[in-house]
Amino acid sequence: MSIFQSLSINGSALTAQRLKLDVVSSNIANANTTRGEFVNGKWVPYRRKMVELAAGTPSTFESYLKQELNPTGVRVNKIVADQTPFKAVYDPSNPDSDEQGYVMMPNVDVTKEMVDLMATSRAYEANITAFNAGKTMLQKALEIGK
């Protein structure tokens, strides 16, 4: 594996972690959004989103072999909606409440999102550190050739 491949792997991880940070930030921003989507004639609360990461998955034997020789890094597999049920909160003064006075609130737990935010930012920082270490090694290797 060359130094350029390691920089490429770190770059793909940085891109994936950045998207994950964006999704977690969106979840936190919409933690109280009761009108997320209009489905079947009524408003449905915002549904928490999650990022699914995966290794660059090959599909053929040749691509498996190439991946072993040249690792491909990280990719975003998909962004999925969390199917946890919504929370019912009694608030008859809310315009989105039903006949019994309950409002359906998003399935976003701000504490869980903050933990995800911290873990993702730490992973992002770790990838920056690894990227900078690779860059420094490359610079030192170029200085040897002077």
Protein backbone atom coordinates (compact mmCIF):
# COMPACT_ATOMS: atom_id res chain seq x y z
CA MET A 1 0.00 0.00 0.00
CA SER A 2 1.41 3.38 -0.97
CA ILE A 3 1.31 6.57 1.08
CA PHE A 4 -1.13 8.03 -1.44
CA GLN A 5 -3.59 5.18 -0.80
CA SER A 6 -3.48 5.84 2.94
CA LEU A 7 -4.22 9.52 2.26
CA SER A 8 -7.11 8.45 0.03
CA ILE A 9 -8.51 6.13 2.72
CA ASN A 10 -8.30 8.90 5.32
CA GLY A 11 -9.96 11.29 2.88
CA SER A 12 -12.89 8.91 2.34
CA ALA A 13 -13.29 8.52 6.10
CA LEU A 14 -13.26 12.31 6.55
CA THR A 15 -15.99 12.67 3.93
CA ALA A 16 -18.13 9.97 5.56
CA GLN A 17 -17.69 11.41 9.07
CA ARG A 18 -18.54 14.88 7.79
CA LEU A 19 -21.85 13.60 6.39
CA LYS A 20 -22.53 11.84 9.70
CA LEU A 21 -21.90 15.14 11.54
CA ASP A 22 -24.38 16.87 9.22
CA VAL A 23 -27.07 14.23 9.82
CA VAL A 24 -26.62 14.33 13.61
CA SER A 25 -26.80 18.14 13.53
CA SER A 26 -30.01 17.91 11.51
CA ASN A 27 -31.48 15.51 14.08
CA ILE A 28 -30.67 17.90 16.93
CA ALA A 29 -32.09 20.88 15.02
CA ASN A 30 -35.37 19.01 14.40
CA ALA A 31 -35.78 17.52 17.90
CA ASN A 32 -39.04 19.48 18.37
CA THR A 33 -40.35 19.53 14.79
CA THR A 34 -43.88 18.18 14.81
CA ARG A 35 -44.44 18.74 11.08
CA GLY A 36 -41.80 16.74 9.27
CA GLU A 37 -43.63 15.14 6.33
CA PHE A 38 -47.15 15.27 4.93
CA VAL A 39 -48.29 11.63 4.67
CA ASN A 40 -51.82 10.40 3.88
CA GLY A 41 -53.37 13.82 4.45
CA LYS A 42 -51.76 14.56 7.81
CA TRP A 43 -48.49 15.84 9.20
CA VAL A 44 -46.03 13.30 10.60
CA PRO A 45 -43.28 14.41 13.02
CA TYR A 46 -39.64 14.53 11.98
CA ARG A 47 -38.11 11.06 12.02
CA ARG A 48 -34.53 10.63 13.24
CA LYS A 49 -32.03 9.77 10.53
CA MET A 50 -28.95 7.57 10.87
CA VAL A 51 -25.93 7.14 8.60
CA GLU A 52 -24.88 3.62 7.71
CA LEU A 53 -21.17 3.38 6.90
CA ALA A 54 -19.49 0.47 5.13
CA ALA A 55 -16.14 -0.51 3.72
CA GLY A 56 -15.82 -0.19 -0.03
CA THR A 57 -17.48 -3.53 -0.82
CA PRO A 58 -16.35 -5.35 -3.94
CA SER A 59 -18.76 -7.40 -6.03
CA THR A 60 -16.50 -9.79 -7.98
CA PHE A 61 -13.50 -11.94 -7.16
CA GLU A 62 -11.26 -9.59 -9.12
CA SER A 63 -12.52 -6.59 -7.17
CA TYR A 64 -11.98 -8.50 -3.87
CA LEU A 65 -8.40 -9.13 -4.92
CA LYS A 66 -7.89 -5.49 -5.94
CA GLN A 67 -9.30 -4.33 -2.61
CA GLU A 68 -6.81 -6.50 -0.72
CA LEU A 69 -3.99 -4.98 -2.73
CA ASN A 70 -5.43 -1.45 -2.77
CA PRO A 71 -7.85 -0.75 0.12
CA THR A 72 -10.69 1.53 -0.88
CA GLY A 73 -11.61 3.18 2.41
CA VAL A 74 -15.01 4.05 3.81
CA ARG A 75 -18.23 4.86 2.04
CA VAL A 76 -21.71 5.86 3.10
CA ASN A 77 -23.93 2.86 2.49
CA LYS A 78 -27.20 4.74 3.04
CA ILE A 79 -29.05 7.15 5.28
CA VAL A 80 -31.88 5.35 7.06
CA ALA A 81 -34.84 6.60 9.07
CA ASP A 82 -35.04 5.38 12.67
CA GLN A 83 -38.26 3.39 13.09
CA THR A 84 -38.51 4.01 16.84
CA PRO A 85 -42.08 5.11 17.67
CA PHE A 86 -42.85 8.78 18.17
CA LYS A 87 -43.38 10.17 21.67
CA ALA A 88 -46.90 11.28 22.61
CA VAL A 89 -46.93 14.45 24.75
CA TYR A 90 -50.09 15.87 26.31
CA ASP A 91 -50.46 19.49 25.12
CA PRO A 92 -54.03 20.38 24.12
CA SER A 93 -53.02 23.99 23.33
CA ASN A 94 -50.68 22.85 20.53
CA PRO A 95 -52.20 23.26 17.04
CA ASP A 96 -50.82 19.81 16.09
CA SER A 97 -52.58 17.97 18.95
CA ASP A 98 -55.16 15.30 18.25
CA GLU A 99 -58.72 15.05 19.64
CA GLN A 100 -57.43 13.76 23.01
CA GLY A 101 -54.89 16.63 23.28
CA TYR A 102 -51.76 14.60 22.50
CA VAL A 103 -49.03 15.81 20.17
CA MET A 104 -46.74 13.32 18.46
CA MET A 105 -43.13 14.43 18.98
CA PRO A 106 -40.08 13.29 16.97
CA ASN A 107 -38.21 10.17 18.00
CA VAL A 108 -35.02 12.18 18.54
CA ASP A 109 -33.23 11.80 21.89
CA VAL A 110 -30.99 14.86 22.19
CA THR A 111 -28.70 13.12 24.71
CA LYS A 112 -28.10 10.22 22.31
CA GLU A 113 -27.50 12.67 19.48
CA MET A 114 -24.93 14.59 21.55
CA VAL A 115 -23.08 11.34 22.29
CA ASP A 116 -23.13 10.49 18.57
CA LEU A 117 -21.90 14.01 17.80
CA MET A 118 -18.96 13.69 20.20
CA ALA A 119 -18.01 10.21 18.94
CA THR A 120 -18.21 11.32 15.31
CA SER A 121 -16.16 14.45 15.94
CA ARG A 122 -13.50 12.32 17.70
CA ALA A 123 -13.39 9.96 14.73
CA TYR A 124 -13.07 12.96 12.41
CA GLU A 125 -10.18 14.33 14.52
CA ALA A 126 -8.47 10.91 14.51
CA ASN A 127 -8.66 10.76 10.72
CA ILE A 128 -7.22 14.28 10.45
CA THR A 129 -4.34 13.22 12.71
CA ALA A 130 -3.67 10.12 10.59
CA PHE A 131 -3.89 12.17 7.40
CA ASN A 132 -1.41 14.73 8.75
CA ALA A 133 0.97 11.96 9.86
CA GLY A 134 0.91 10.50 6.35
CA LYS A 135 1.46 13.93 4.85
CA THR A 136 4.43 14.54 7.17
CA MET A 137 5.96 11.16 6.22
CA LEU A 138 5.57 12.04 2.56
CA GLN A 139 7.25 15.41 3.08
CA LYS A 140 10.14 13.79 4.97
CA ALA A 141 10.56 11.21 2.19
CA LEU A 142 10.78 14.04 -0.37
CA GLU A 143 13.41 15.79 1.76
CA ILE A 144 15.60 12.65 1.68
CA GLY A 145 15.77 12.95 -2.07
CA LYS A 146 17.27 16.45 -1.98
